[in-house]
Each structure stands twice: as C-alpha cells, then as structure tokens.
Amino acid sequence: MILYGPVPSRRLGQSIGINNIPPKTCSYSCIYCQLGRTDRMQIKRQEFYKPEDIYLEAEVKLEQLKAENRTADYFSFVPDGEPTLDINLGAEIDLLKPFKVRIAVITNASLLWMDDVKEDLMKADWVSVSIDAADEDVWRRIDRPHGALRHIDILNGIIEFSKKYRGTLVTETMLVEGVNDHDTCVGKIADQLSLIQPSKAYILVPTRPPAESSVKRAAKSSLSSAVRMIRRVSGIDVECITGDENEEGFFFTESVAEDILSIASVHPIREDIIDGLLKKRNADKTIISEMVKNGELCEFQYEGKRFYRKKI
C-alpha cells in the first residue's frame, strides 16, 4: 500500500499520505526521527514505484471517500524516507493534478541544490522544508547527513527555490534540548529564515519516540525565546507545534488492522489514541496484542507514554 489515510494533519486538514519511498531510505539519519535510524542512506535519485501505481491507488482512495461522503484536503508526499529521492516525483504530481486535490510535499530539503528536484517541487501546491540548523556543526549533529552533502549548498538551494516558487512555502525546525535550542543556534536559523521568507515557520519538538533515547524536547522557555527571536529577526509568522494529536478525524476502511498499520508505518501512534479508535469501531484491543505478537507492530515508551509503530 503506497497511499494511506486520510489522516488529520495539524497543517493540512484531512491529508491522504503518499508513501513513495521504502522504509528508512533517506539522505539524513536525524537523531529525533520517529522511525528510527536510517539504514539505507543515499542521495542518488531513483525509481521506487511506478507513477501509474500511485495514480491508481489515488483513484481508488478518492472513490472510497466519495462513497463515505468524505473529502480530502491534500495529497501529501510524507513517506518513510526523503520524498525527493524519488526520481518520479514530478511525474507523480502531474498524474495527481487532474483529481483537483491540492498536493503537498514535506522534505528535509537536502537535495534542493539539484535543479531537477527544484523543478519537481515547483509543481506542488504546498512545500515544507526542514531547517534544523544554519551552521555546519549543529547540522551534522542533529540531522546526521549523508557524507557527500554540503550544508551551504542546501541552504543556498532553499533560498533559490524560495525566490521562484509560487505555492505556499513553509519551514519546520525541530528543537532538541541541548542540541539546537540555544540562542546562538536559533539566531542563525532566524537569519536564514529572513532570507527565505516562508509563509510560516513552524517550530516543533519531538513528541514521539525518537531514534536516539537521549533526545528530549526543548523546554518551554527555549521555545518562547526562539519564537520571539525568529519573529524579531525575520518578521515572519511563527507557530509552535508542541501538542500531541488526538483521535478525531482518522478515516477507517473495513479493516481496522490495515488502517492502524497504514498510519503506524508513517509515525508511531499513542496507546490512548488507538484505544479511542478501537472504541469507535467496537473493536477489541486483542487486535493490537495479536499484531505485536505477529511482529507487525512494535511497542515503544517515550515520555511515560506507550506508542505503537509498524515494524520495519
């Protein structure tokens, strides 16, 4: 299954996710990644799935929604790895356009120094790029990039893209305690954002089990300071995302197990959310214990809460 959802998104409403990259194929191995460490590190673009297969799944998904009197706000390329590694990304966006559903791509921006990547992303309606650091040392510490990547090329690529892109461009910065949440680091990020001038800058903290157990969310005082600094330096709109999602808005098909797996393949789900979803469907929680027993789901603990994630 390449498509999943729709699932409720803080920023995109009801979003049909497109998982166009195999698990943990990425150009980064971020310390906060909710899918764990990257085991397929690469920067060379290649074909992973046929664009026609994505189109057909989208067609089926929209027909399914229509039968339920539901609609989707976006098709979102937010896979288990870096979406721009998909050499067919532009072709896939072209195929989806006739459905008249807006298209979003959430990228770590690591390949934006490539002209063909810029051209592909120009076709999307909404693009989010990651800027976790604006200096080399912190970038390598938090994002742990592929060895052939150069930070200055990526930053320049983002700026070049921002000058030509006509859709909605936003940035996201994950603040990790003791890594990139101090004033010096945030100040450099603010300077970079002033050059990009996104529609909005999102500040996030790790809310799900990260790749490294030492990772902790930045303190509220650090977040407040970061918001003030970025607003003062860049003059752009800043929003913090620090809460956890709730269960409202999740779309379910006939198979509860498949629905849970499709969501858990992209991000871990809190136990209380799963409990709420099962209750709505009058389903027994033994479904989850069986999925864990069969090796389909893994259990994790983070900040005193239990999470479930699809076993990769």
C-alpha atoms as a PDB file:
ATOM      1  CA  MET A   1       0.000   0.000   0.000  1.00  0.00           C
ATOM      2  CA  ILE A   2       1.543   3.296  -1.140  1.00  0.00           C
ATOM      3  CA  LEU A   3      -1.314   5.570  -0.065  1.00  0.00           C
ATOM      4  CA  TYR A   4      -2.883   5.753   3.394  1.00  0.00           C
ATOM      5  CA  GLY A   5      -5.495   7.790   5.216  1.00  0.00           C
ATOM      6  CA  PRO A   6      -6.742  10.373   5.062  1.00  0.00           C
ATOM      7  CA  VAL A   7      -5.419  11.253   8.483  1.00  0.00           C
ATOM      8  CA  PRO A   8      -5.865  14.545  10.323  1.00  0.00           C
ATOM      9  CA  SER A   9      -2.922  16.888   9.885  1.00  0.00           C
ATOM     10  CA  ARG A  10      -2.213  19.888  12.070  1.00  0.00           C
ATOM     11  CA  ARG A  11      -1.346  21.916   9.000  1.00  0.00           C
ATOM     12  CA  LEU A  12      -3.100  20.254   6.064  1.00  0.00           C
ATOM     13  CA  GLY A  13      -6.507  19.200   7.337  1.00  0.00           C
ATOM     14  CA  GLN A  14      -7.565  15.798   6.007  1.00  0.00           C
ATOM     15  CA  SER A  15      -4.475  14.506   4.262  1.00  0.00           C
ATOM     16  CA  ILE A  16      -4.055  11.417   2.056  1.00  0.00           C
ATOM     17  CA  GLY A  17      -0.481  10.337   2.656  1.00  0.00           C
ATOM     18  CA  ILE A  18       1.696   9.062  -0.171  1.00  0.00           C
ATOM     19  CA  ASN A  19       4.470   6.752   0.976  1.00  0.00           C
ATOM     20  CA  ASN A  20       6.602   6.982  -2.177  1.00  0.00           C
ATOM     21  CA  ILE A  21       9.861   5.855  -0.520  1.00  0.00           C
ATOM     22  CA  PRO A  22      10.679   2.434   1.026  1.00  0.00           C
ATOM     23  CA  PRO A  23      11.217   2.409   4.808  1.00  0.00           C
ATOM     24  CA  LYS A  24      14.228   4.320   6.112  1.00  0.00           C
ATOM     25  CA  THR A  25      15.643   5.281   2.711  1.00  0.00           C
ATOM     26  CA  CYS A  26      16.876   8.773   3.379  1.00  0.00           C
ATOM     27  CA  SER A  27      19.651  11.315   2.974  1.00  0.00           C
ATOM     28  CA  TYR A  28      19.607  12.070   6.713  1.00  0.00           C
ATOM     29  CA  SER A  29      19.564   9.986   9.874  1.00  0.00           C
ATOM     30  CA  CYS A  30      18.117  12.588  12.234  1.00  0.00           C
ATOM     31  CA  ILE A  31      18.575  11.961  15.934  1.00  0.00           C
ATOM     32  CA  TYR A  32      14.883  12.753  16.529  1.00  0.00           C
ATOM     33  CA  CYS A  33      13.417  10.664  13.685  1.00  0.00           C
ATOM     34  CA  GLN A  34      10.277   8.859  14.828  1.00  0.00           C
ATOM     35  CA  LEU A  35      11.064   5.938  12.504  1.00  0.00           C
ATOM     36  CA  GLY A  36      14.465   5.208  13.991  1.00  0.00           C
ATOM     37  CA  ARG A  37      17.914   5.335  12.434  1.00  0.00           C
ATOM     38  CA  THR A  38      18.322   5.359   8.662  1.00  0.00           C
ATOM     39  CA  ASP A  39      19.652   2.085   7.296  1.00  0.00           C
ATOM     40  CA  ARG A  40      19.535   2.995   3.600  1.00  0.00           C
ATOM     41  CA  MET A  41      21.456   6.260   3.349  1.00  0.00           C
ATOM     42  CA  GLN A  42      21.622   7.715  -0.162  1.00  0.00           C
ATOM     43  CA  ILE A  43      21.437  10.927  -2.190  1.00  0.00           C
ATOM     44  CA  LYS A  44      21.105   9.437  -5.677  1.00  0.00           C
ATOM     45  CA  ARG A  45      17.572   9.704  -7.023  1.00  0.00           C
ATOM     46  CA  GLN A  46      15.945   6.568  -8.382  1.00  0.00           C
ATOM     47  CA  GLU A  47      12.616   4.969  -9.197  1.00  0.00           C
ATOM     48  CA  PHE A  48      10.929   3.184  -6.308  1.00  0.00           C
ATOM     49  CA  TYR A  49       7.348   2.755  -7.543  1.00  0.00           C
ATOM     50  CA  LYS A  50       5.614   3.205 -10.868  1.00  0.00           C
ATOM     51  CA  PRO A  51       3.801   6.573 -11.079  1.00  0.00           C
ATOM     52  CA  GLU A  52       0.836   4.743 -12.577  1.00  0.00           C
ATOM     53  CA  ASP A  53       0.519   2.604  -9.436  1.00  0.00           C
ATOM     54  CA  ILE A  54       0.301   5.725  -7.283  1.00  0.00           C
ATOM     55  CA  TYR A  55      -2.305   7.173  -9.636  1.00  0.00           C
ATOM     56  CA  LEU A  56      -4.434   4.022  -9.463  1.00  0.00           C
ATOM     57  CA  GLU A  57      -4.287   3.894  -5.661  1.00  0.00           C
ATOM     58  CA  ALA A  58      -5.276   7.568  -5.539  1.00  0.00           C
ATOM     59  CA  GLU A  59      -8.243   6.891  -7.803  1.00  0.00           C
ATOM     60  CA  VAL A  60      -9.415   4.030  -5.574  1.00  0.00           C
ATOM     61  CA  LYS A  61      -8.894   6.092  -2.417  1.00  0.00           C
ATOM     62  CA  LEU A  62     -10.962   9.019  -3.704  1.00  0.00           C
ATOM     63  CA  GLU A  63     -13.769   6.693  -4.810  1.00  0.00           C
ATOM     64  CA  GLN A  64     -13.722   5.171  -1.346  1.00  0.00           C
ATOM     65  CA  LEU A  65     -14.003   8.613   0.224  1.00  0.00           C
ATOM     66  CA  LYS A  66     -16.800   9.589  -2.128  1.00  0.00           C
ATOM     67  CA  ALA A  67     -18.793   6.542  -1.036  1.00  0.00           C
ATOM     68  CA  GLU A  68     -18.359   7.687   2.574  1.00  0.00           C
ATOM     69  CA  ASN A  69     -19.343  11.300   1.751  1.00  0.00           C
ATOM     70  CA  ARG A  70     -15.852  12.376   2.739  1.00  0.00           C
ATOM     71  CA  THR A  71     -13.286  14.543   1.007  1.00  0.00           C
ATOM     72  CA  ALA A  72      -9.555  15.118   1.266  1.00  0.00           C
ATOM     73  CA  ASP A  73      -7.801  18.460   1.509  1.00  0.00           C
ATOM     74  CA  TYR A  74      -4.392  17.288   0.284  1.00  0.00           C
ATOM     75  CA  PHE A  75      -2.358  14.529  -1.230  1.00  0.00           C
ATOM     76  CA  SER A  76       0.767  14.659   0.933  1.00  0.00           C
ATOM     77  CA  PHE A  77       4.116  13.165  -0.004  1.00  0.00           C
ATOM     78  CA  VAL A  78       5.348  12.365   3.502  1.00  0.00           C
ATOM     79  CA  PRO A  79       6.927   8.914   3.299  1.00  0.00           C
ATOM     80  CA  ASP A  80       9.150   6.702   5.438  1.00  0.00           C
ATOM     81  CA  GLY A  81      12.191   8.428   3.925  1.00  0.00           C
ATOM     82  CA  GLU A  82      13.078  11.530   1.908  1.00  0.00           C
ATOM     83  CA  PRO A  83      10.426  12.036  -0.831  1.00  0.00           C
ATOM     84  CA  THR A  84      12.699  13.862  -3.275  1.00  0.00           C
ATOM     85  CA  LEU A  85      14.859  10.737  -3.632  1.00  0.00           C
ATOM     86  CA  ASP A  86      12.015   9.537  -5.869  1.00  0.00           C
ATOM     87  CA  ILE A  87      13.060  10.411  -9.417  1.00  0.00           C
ATOM     88  CA  ASN A  88       9.403  10.128 -10.500  1.00  0.00           C
ATOM     89  CA  LEU A  89       8.129  12.713  -8.004  1.00  0.00           C
ATOM     90  CA  GLY A  90       7.368  15.320 -10.671  1.00  0.00           C
ATOM     91  CA  ALA A  91       5.603  12.792 -12.889  1.00  0.00           C
ATOM     92  CA  GLU A  92       3.529  11.580  -9.938  1.00  0.00           C
ATOM     93  CA  ILE A  93       2.435  15.130  -9.112  1.00  0.00           C
ATOM     94  CA  ASP A  94       1.441  15.654 -12.759  1.00  0.00           C
ATOM     95  CA  LEU A  95      -0.676  12.487 -12.708  1.00  0.00           C
ATOM     96  CA  LEU A  96      -2.445  13.536  -9.495  1.00  0.00           C
ATOM     97  CA  LYS A  97      -3.269  17.079 -10.637  1.00  0.00           C
ATOM     98  CA  PRO A  98      -6.483  16.122 -12.526  1.00  0.00           C
ATOM     99  CA  PHE A  99      -8.037  14.905  -9.269  1.00  0.00           C
ATOM    100  CA  LYS A 100      -8.269  18.573  -8.195  1.00  0.00           C
ATOM    101  CA  VAL A 101      -6.847  17.831  -4.739  1.00  0.00           C
ATOM    102  CA  ARG A 102      -4.013  20.066  -3.572  1.00  0.00           C
ATOM    103  CA  ILE A 103      -0.589  18.471  -3.352  1.00  0.00           C
ATOM    104  CA  ALA A 104       1.912  18.871  -0.510  1.00  0.00           C
ATOM    105  CA  VAL A 105       5.484  17.675  -0.139  1.00  0.00           C
ATOM    106  CA  ILE A 106       7.274  17.555   3.204  1.00  0.00           C
ATOM    107  CA  THR A 107      11.010  17.381   2.546  1.00  0.00           C
ATOM    108  CA  ASN A 108      14.209  17.697   4.551  1.00  0.00           C
ATOM    109  CA  ALA A 109      15.457  19.930   1.695  1.00  0.00           C
ATOM    110  CA  SER A 110      18.751  18.044   1.464  1.00  0.00           C
ATOM    111  CA  LEU A 111      18.507  17.679  -2.322  1.00  0.00           C
ATOM    112  CA  LEU A 112      17.279  21.181  -3.162  1.00  0.00           C
ATOM    113  CA  TRP A 113      20.682  22.038  -4.593  1.00  0.00           C
ATOM    114  CA  MET A 114      19.679  19.796  -7.530  1.00  0.00           C
ATOM    115  CA  ASP A 115      17.863  21.609 -10.351  1.00  0.00           C
ATOM    116  CA  ASP A 116      15.613  18.634 -11.138  1.00  0.00           C
ATOM    117  CA  VAL A 117      14.466  18.483  -7.513  1.00  0.00           C
ATOM    118  CA  LYS A 118      13.577  22.177  -7.603  1.00  0.00           C
ATOM    119  CA  GLU A 119      11.610  21.621 -10.826  1.00  0.00           C
ATOM    120  CA  ASP A 120       9.648  18.757  -9.286  1.00  0.00           C
ATOM    121  CA  LEU A 121       8.778  20.693  -6.139  1.00  0.00           C
ATOM    122  CA  MET A 122       7.655  23.718  -8.181  1.00  0.00           C
ATOM    123  CA  LYS A 123       4.651  21.615  -9.225  1.00  0.00           C
ATOM    124  CA  ALA A 124       3.379  21.153  -5.660  1.00  0.00           C
ATOM    125  CA  ASP A 125       0.849  23.498  -4.039  1.00  0.00           C
ATOM    126  CA  TRP A 126       2.430  23.395  -0.573  1.00  0.00           C
ATOM    127  CA  VAL A 127       6.034  22.599   0.325  1.00  0.00           C
ATOM    128  CA  SER A 128       7.610  22.271   3.752  1.00  0.00           C
ATOM    129  CA  VAL A 129      11.405  22.349   4.075  1.00  0.00           C
ATOM    130  CA  SER A 130      13.396  21.492   7.192  1.00  0.00           C
ATOM    131  CA  ILE A 131      15.913  23.878   8.686  1.00  0.00           C
ATOM    132  CA  ASP A 132      17.128  22.399  11.961  1.00  0.00           C
ATOM    133  CA  ALA A 133      20.376  24.358  11.937  1.00  0.00           C
ATOM    134  CA  ALA A 134      22.102  27.119   9.997  1.00  0.00           C
ATOM    135  CA  ASP A 135      25.644  26.154  10.882  1.00  0.00           C
ATOM    136  CA  GLU A 136      27.608  23.086   9.805  1.00  0.00           C
ATOM    137  CA  ASP A 137      28.472  21.563  13.170  1.00  0.00           C
ATOM    138  CA  VAL A 138      24.963  21.602  14.619  1.00  0.00           C
ATOM    139  CA  TRP A 139      23.503  20.388  11.310  1.00  0.00           C
ATOM    140  CA  ARG A 140      25.779  17.344  11.333  1.00  0.00           C
ATOM    141  CA  ARG A 141      24.969  16.675  14.964  1.00  0.00           C
ATOM    142  CA  ILE A 142      21.189  16.805  14.692  1.00  0.00           C
ATOM    143  CA  ASP A 143      20.466  15.700  11.095  1.00  0.00           C
ATOM    144  CA  ARG A 144      23.443  13.339  10.617  1.00  0.00           C
ATOM    145  CA  PRO A 145      23.521  13.821   6.819  1.00  0.00           C
ATOM    146  CA  HIS A 146      24.936  11.672   4.027  1.00  0.00           C
ATOM    147  CA  GLY A 147      28.676  12.274   3.860  1.00  0.00           C
ATOM    148  CA  ALA A 148      28.598  13.778   0.360  1.00  0.00           C
ATOM    149  CA  LEU A 149      26.178  16.568   1.295  1.00  0.00           C
ATOM    150  CA  ARG A 150      27.356  20.147   1.842  1.00  0.00           C
ATOM    151  CA  HIS A 151      25.283  22.308   4.149  1.00  0.00           C
ATOM    152  CA  ILE A 152      25.992  25.549   2.302  1.00  0.00           C
ATOM    153  CA  ASP A 153      24.685  24.001  -0.939  1.00  0.00           C
ATOM    154  CA  ILE A 154      21.451  23.003   0.781  1.00  0.00           C
ATOM    155  CA  LEU A 155      20.898  26.423   2.356  1.00  0.00           C
ATOM    156  CA  ASN A 156      21.560  28.161  -0.960  1.00  0.00           C
ATOM    157  CA  GLY A 157      19.255  25.707  -2.717  1.00  0.00           C
ATOM    158  CA  ILE A 158      16.419  26.562  -0.336  1.00  0.00           C
ATOM    159  CA  ILE A 159      16.927  30.286  -0.941  1.00  0.00           C
ATOM    160  CA  GLU A 160      16.973  29.832  -4.727  1.00  0.00           C
ATOM    161  CA  PHE A 161      13.820  27.726  -4.575  1.00  0.00           C
ATOM    162  CA  SER A 162      12.027  30.253  -2.363  1.00  0.00           C
ATOM    163  CA  LYS A 163      12.614  33.045  -4.888  1.00  0.00           C
ATOM    164  CA  LYS A 164      10.913  31.185  -7.740  1.00  0.00           C
ATOM    165  CA  TYR A 165       8.281  29.055  -6.006  1.00  0.00           C
ATOM    166  CA  ARG A 166       4.716  30.369  -6.345  1.00  0.00           C
ATOM    167  CA  GLY A 167       2.941  27.960  -3.994  1.00  0.00           C
ATOM    168  CA  THR A 168       2.842  28.026  -0.195  1.00  0.00           C
ATOM    169  CA  LEU A 169       6.309  27.533   1.282  1.00  0.00           C
ATOM    170  CA  VAL A 170       6.735  26.816   4.989  1.00  0.00           C
ATOM    171  CA  THR A 171       9.693  25.763   7.084  1.00  0.00           C
ATOM    172  CA  GLU A 172       9.922  23.473  10.061  1.00  0.00           C
ATOM    173  CA  THR A 173      12.568  23.388  12.733  1.00  0.00           C
ATOM    174  CA  MET A 174      12.764  20.606  15.298  1.00  0.00           C
ATOM    175  CA  LEU A 175      14.203  21.930  18.549  1.00  0.00           C
ATOM    176  CA  VAL A 176      16.033  19.361  20.660  1.00  0.00           C
ATOM    177  CA  GLU A 177      17.167  20.186  24.170  1.00  0.00           C
ATOM    178  CA  GLY A 178      20.884  20.886  24.383  1.00  0.00           C
ATOM    179  CA  VAL A 179      21.453  20.494  20.651  1.00  0.00           C
ATOM    180  CA  ASN A 180      19.941  23.377  18.673  1.00  0.00           C
ATOM    181  CA  ASP A 181      17.755  25.225  21.174  1.00  0.00           C
ATOM    182  CA  HIS A 182      20.309  27.769  22.419  1.00  0.00           C
ATOM    183  CA  ASP A 183      20.140  31.418  21.378  1.00  0.00           C
ATOM    184  CA  THR A 184      23.217  31.350  19.154  1.00  0.00           C
ATOM    185  CA  CYS A 185      21.863  28.493  17.051  1.00  0.00           C
ATOM    186  CA  VAL A 186      18.323  29.890  16.905  1.00  0.00           C
ATOM    187  CA  GLY A 187      19.700  33.294  15.925  1.00  0.00           C
ATOM    188  CA  LYS A 188      21.460  31.793  12.900  1.00  0.00           C
ATOM    189  CA  ILE A 189      18.275  29.960  11.932  1.00  0.00           C
ATOM    190  CA  ALA A 190      16.364  33.240  12.190  1.00  0.00           C
ATOM    191  CA  ASP A 191      18.886  34.916   9.869  1.00  0.00           C
ATOM    192  CA  GLN A 192      18.406  32.099   7.353  1.00  0.00           C
ATOM    193  CA  LEU A 193      14.623  32.344   7.559  1.00  0.00           C
ATOM    194  CA  SER A 194      14.805  36.070   6.873  1.00  0.00           C
ATOM    195  CA  LEU A 195      16.422  35.242   3.530  1.00  0.00           C
ATOM    196  CA  ILE A 196      13.795  32.620   2.679  1.00  0.00           C
ATOM    197  CA  GLN A 197      10.685  34.474   3.892  1.00  0.00           C
ATOM    198  CA  PRO A 198       8.366  31.447   4.131  1.00  0.00           C
ATOM    199  CA  SER A 199       4.636  31.897   4.622  1.00  0.00           C
ATOM    200  CA  LYS A 200       5.091  30.439   8.086  1.00  0.00           C
ATOM    201  CA  ALA A 201       7.895  28.991  10.187  1.00  0.00           C
ATOM    202  CA  TYR A 202       6.880  26.025  12.327  1.00  0.00           C
ATOM    203  CA  ILE A 203       8.803  25.209  15.486  1.00  0.00           C
ATOM    204  CA  LEU A 204       8.407  21.603  16.573  1.00  0.00           C
ATOM    205  CA  VAL A 205       9.589  19.393  19.407  1.00  0.00           C
ATOM    206  CA  PRO A 206       9.888  15.586  19.483  1.00  0.00           C
ATOM    207  CA  THR A 207       6.524  14.229  20.629  1.00  0.00           C
ATOM    208  CA  ARG A 208       7.021  10.606  19.557  1.00  0.00           C
ATOM    209  CA  PRO A 209       9.762   8.070  20.338  1.00  0.00           C
ATOM    210  CA  PRO A 210      12.971   9.356  18.658  1.00  0.00           C
ATOM    211  CA  ALA A 211      15.821   7.469  17.013  1.00  0.00           C
ATOM    212  CA  GLU A 212      18.111   8.226  19.947  1.00  0.00           C
ATOM    213  CA  SER A 213      16.916   7.758  23.524  1.00  0.00           C
ATOM    214  CA  SER A 214      18.888  10.793  24.702  1.00  0.00           C
ATOM    215  CA  VAL A 215      16.725  13.156  22.638  1.00  0.00           C
ATOM    216  CA  LYS A 216      14.425  15.396  24.649  1.00  0.00           C
ATOM    217  CA  ARG A 217      12.055  18.157  23.649  1.00  0.00           C
ATOM    218  CA  ALA A 218      13.259  21.721  24.147  1.00  0.00           C
ATOM    219  CA  ALA A 219      11.967  23.464  27.265  1.00  0.00           C
ATOM    220  CA  LYS A 220       9.015  25.853  27.034  1.00  0.00           C
ATOM    221  CA  SER A 221      11.290  28.758  27.887  1.00  0.00           C
ATOM    222  CA  SER A 222      13.552  27.876  24.945  1.00  0.00           C
ATOM    223  CA  LEU A 223      10.560  27.678  22.626  1.00  0.00           C
ATOM    224  CA  SER A 224       9.257  31.061  23.738  1.00  0.00           C
ATOM    225  CA  SER A 225      12.675  32.595  23.256  1.00  0.00           C
ATOM    226  CA  ALA A 226      13.007  31.015  19.788  1.00  0.00           C
ATOM    227  CA  VAL A 227       9.619  32.324  18.665  1.00  0.00           C
ATOM    228  CA  ARG A 228      10.421  35.858  19.817  1.00  0.00           C
ATOM    229  CA  MET A 229      13.843  35.843  18.189  1.00  0.00           C
ATOM    230  CA  ILE A 230      12.654  34.499  14.831  1.00  0.00           C
ATOM    231  CA  ARG A 231       9.781  36.967  14.712  1.00  0.00           C
ATOM    232  CA  ARG A 232      12.064  39.868  15.596  1.00  0.00           C
ATOM    233  CA  VAL A 233      14.830  38.982  13.150  1.00  0.00           C
ATOM    234  CA  SER A 234      12.811  37.728  10.168  1.00  0.00           C
ATOM    235  CA  GLY A 235       9.421  39.377  10.593  1.00  0.00           C
ATOM    236  CA  ILE A 236       7.638  36.179   9.553  1.00  0.00           C
ATOM    237  CA  ASP A 237       4.762  34.302  11.162  1.00  0.00           C
ATOM    238  CA  VAL A 238       5.914  31.627  13.614  1.00  0.00           C
ATOM    239  CA  GLU A 239       3.868  28.810  15.098  1.00  0.00           C
ATOM    240  CA  CYS A 240       4.848  26.216  17.683  1.00  0.00           C
ATOM    241  CA  ILE A 241       3.630  22.632  17.397  1.00  0.00           C
ATOM    242  CA  THR A 242       4.130  21.076  20.800  1.00  0.00           C
ATOM    243  CA  GLY A 243       0.894  19.207  21.482  1.00  0.00           C
ATOM    244  CA  ASP A 244       0.042  15.647  20.586  1.00  0.00           C
ATOM    245  CA  GLU A 245      -2.547  14.668  18.016  1.00  0.00           C
ATOM    246  CA  ASN A 246      -5.962  13.414  19.038  1.00  0.00           C
ATOM    247  CA  GLU A 247      -8.023  10.664  17.505  1.00  0.00           C
ATOM    248  CA  GLU A 248     -10.582  12.880  15.799  1.00  0.00           C
ATOM    249  CA  GLY A 249     -10.700  12.720  12.037  1.00  0.00           C
ATOM    250  CA  PHE A 250      -8.974   9.405  11.363  1.00  0.00           C
ATOM    251  CA  PHE A 251     -10.575   7.665   8.408  1.00  0.00           C
ATOM    252  CA  PHE A 252     -11.209   3.923   8.645  1.00  0.00           C
ATOM    253  CA  THR A 253     -11.866   1.314   5.998  1.00  0.00           C
ATOM    254  CA  GLU A 254     -13.354  -2.109   6.659  1.00  0.00           C
ATOM    255  CA  SER A 255     -10.065  -3.450   8.066  1.00  0.00           C
ATOM    256  CA  VAL A 256      -9.144  -1.884  11.403  1.00  0.00           C
ATOM    257  CA  ALA A 257      -5.795  -3.695  11.434  1.00  0.00           C
ATOM    258  CA  GLU A 258      -4.820  -2.411   7.986  1.00  0.00           C
ATOM    259  CA  ASP A 259      -5.817   1.136   8.903  1.00  0.00           C
ATOM    260  CA  ILE A 260      -3.711   1.095  12.058  1.00  0.00           C
ATOM    261  CA  LEU A 261      -0.759  -0.342  10.156  1.00  0.00           C
ATOM    262  CA  SER A 262      -1.017   2.300   7.432  1.00  0.00           C
ATOM    263  CA  ILE A 263      -0.827   5.105   9.997  1.00  0.00           C
ATOM    264  CA  ALA A 264       1.782   3.369  12.172  1.00  0.00           C
ATOM    265  CA  SER A 265       4.006   2.866   9.142  1.00  0.00           C
ATOM    266  CA  VAL A 266       4.497   6.636   8.926  1.00  0.00           C
ATOM    267  CA  HIS A 267       4.559   7.621  12.578  1.00  0.00           C
ATOM    268  CA  PRO A 268       4.135   5.959  15.983  1.00  0.00           C
ATOM    269  CA  ILE A 269       0.633   6.091  17.472  1.00  0.00           C
ATOM    270  CA  ARG A 270      -0.007   6.670  21.163  1.00  0.00           C
ATOM    271  CA  GLU A 271      -1.819   3.923  23.040  1.00  0.00           C
ATOM    272  CA  ASP A 272      -4.671   6.207  24.132  1.00  0.00           C
ATOM    273  CA  ILE A 273      -5.329   7.194  20.518  1.00  0.00           C
ATOM    274  CA  ILE A 274      -5.514   3.562  19.440  1.00  0.00           C
ATOM    275  CA  ASP A 275      -7.865   2.840  22.359  1.00  0.00           C
ATOM    276  CA  GLY A 276     -10.156   5.625  21.177  1.00  0.00           C
ATOM    277  CA  LEU A 277     -10.107   4.442  17.597  1.00  0.00           C
ATOM    278  CA  LEU A 278     -10.889   0.861  18.577  1.00  0.00           C
ATOM    279  CA  LYS A 279     -13.733   2.016  20.801  1.00  0.00           C
ATOM    280  CA  LYS A 280     -15.327   3.909  17.912  1.00  0.00           C
ATOM    281  CA  ARG A 281     -15.274   0.754  15.825  1.00  0.00           C
ATOM    282  CA  ASN A 282     -16.390  -1.513  18.692  1.00  0.00           C
ATOM    283  CA  ALA A 283     -13.187  -3.462  18.167  1.00  0.00           C
ATOM    284  CA  ASP A 284     -11.333  -5.428  20.840  1.00  0.00           C
ATOM    285  CA  LYS A 285      -7.823  -4.455  21.850  1.00  0.00           C
ATOM    286  CA  THR A 286      -6.695  -8.021  21.305  1.00  0.00           C
ATOM    287  CA  ILE A 287      -6.219  -6.882  17.695  1.00  0.00           C
ATOM    288  CA  ILE A 288      -3.219  -4.866  18.871  1.00  0.00           C
ATOM    289  CA  SER A 289      -1.734  -7.595  21.041  1.00  0.00           C
ATOM    290  CA  GLU A 290      -2.026 -10.036  18.122  1.00  0.00           C
ATOM    291  CA  MET A 291      -0.303  -7.560  15.788  1.00  0.00           C
ATOM    292  CA  VAL A 292       2.524  -7.174  18.294  1.00  0.00           C
ATOM    293  CA  LYS A 293       2.760 -10.954  18.738  1.00  0.00           C
ATOM    294  CA  ASN A 294       2.862 -11.459  14.963  1.00  0.00           C
ATOM    295  CA  GLY A 295       5.647  -8.912  14.571  1.00  0.00           C
ATOM    296  CA  GLU A 296       3.536  -6.367  12.687  1.00  0.00           C
ATOM    297  CA  LEU A 297       3.711  -3.698  15.402  1.00  0.00           C
ATOM    298  CA  CYS A 298       6.449  -2.709  17.854  1.00  0.00           C
ATOM    299  CA  GLU A 299       5.901  -1.159  21.281  1.00  0.00           C
ATOM    300  CA  PHE A 300       7.877   1.876  22.468  1.00  0.00           C
ATOM    301  CA  GLN A 301       7.926   4.055  25.550  1.00  0.00           C
ATOM    302  CA  TYR A 302       8.538   7.818  25.371  1.00  0.00           C
ATOM    303  CA  GLU A 303       7.868  10.499  27.984  1.00  0.00           C
ATOM    304  CA  GLY A 304       5.961   7.960  30.077  1.00  0.00           C
ATOM    305  CA  LYS A 305       3.575   7.007  27.254  1.00  0.00           C
ATOM    306  CA  ARG A 306       3.295   3.809  25.227  1.00  0.00           C
ATOM    307  CA  PHE A 307       3.446   4.036  21.431  1.00  0.00           C
ATOM    308  CA  TYR A 308       2.978   1.520  18.635  1.00  0.00           C
ATOM    309  CA  ARG A 309       4.863   1.614  15.355  1.00  0.00           C
ATOM    310  CA  LYS A 310       4.834  -0.660  12.322  1.00  0.00           C
ATOM    311  CA  LYS A 311       7.809  -2.978  12.409  1.00  0.00           C
ATOM    312  CA  ILE A 312      10.175  -2.005   9.599  1.00  0.00           C
END
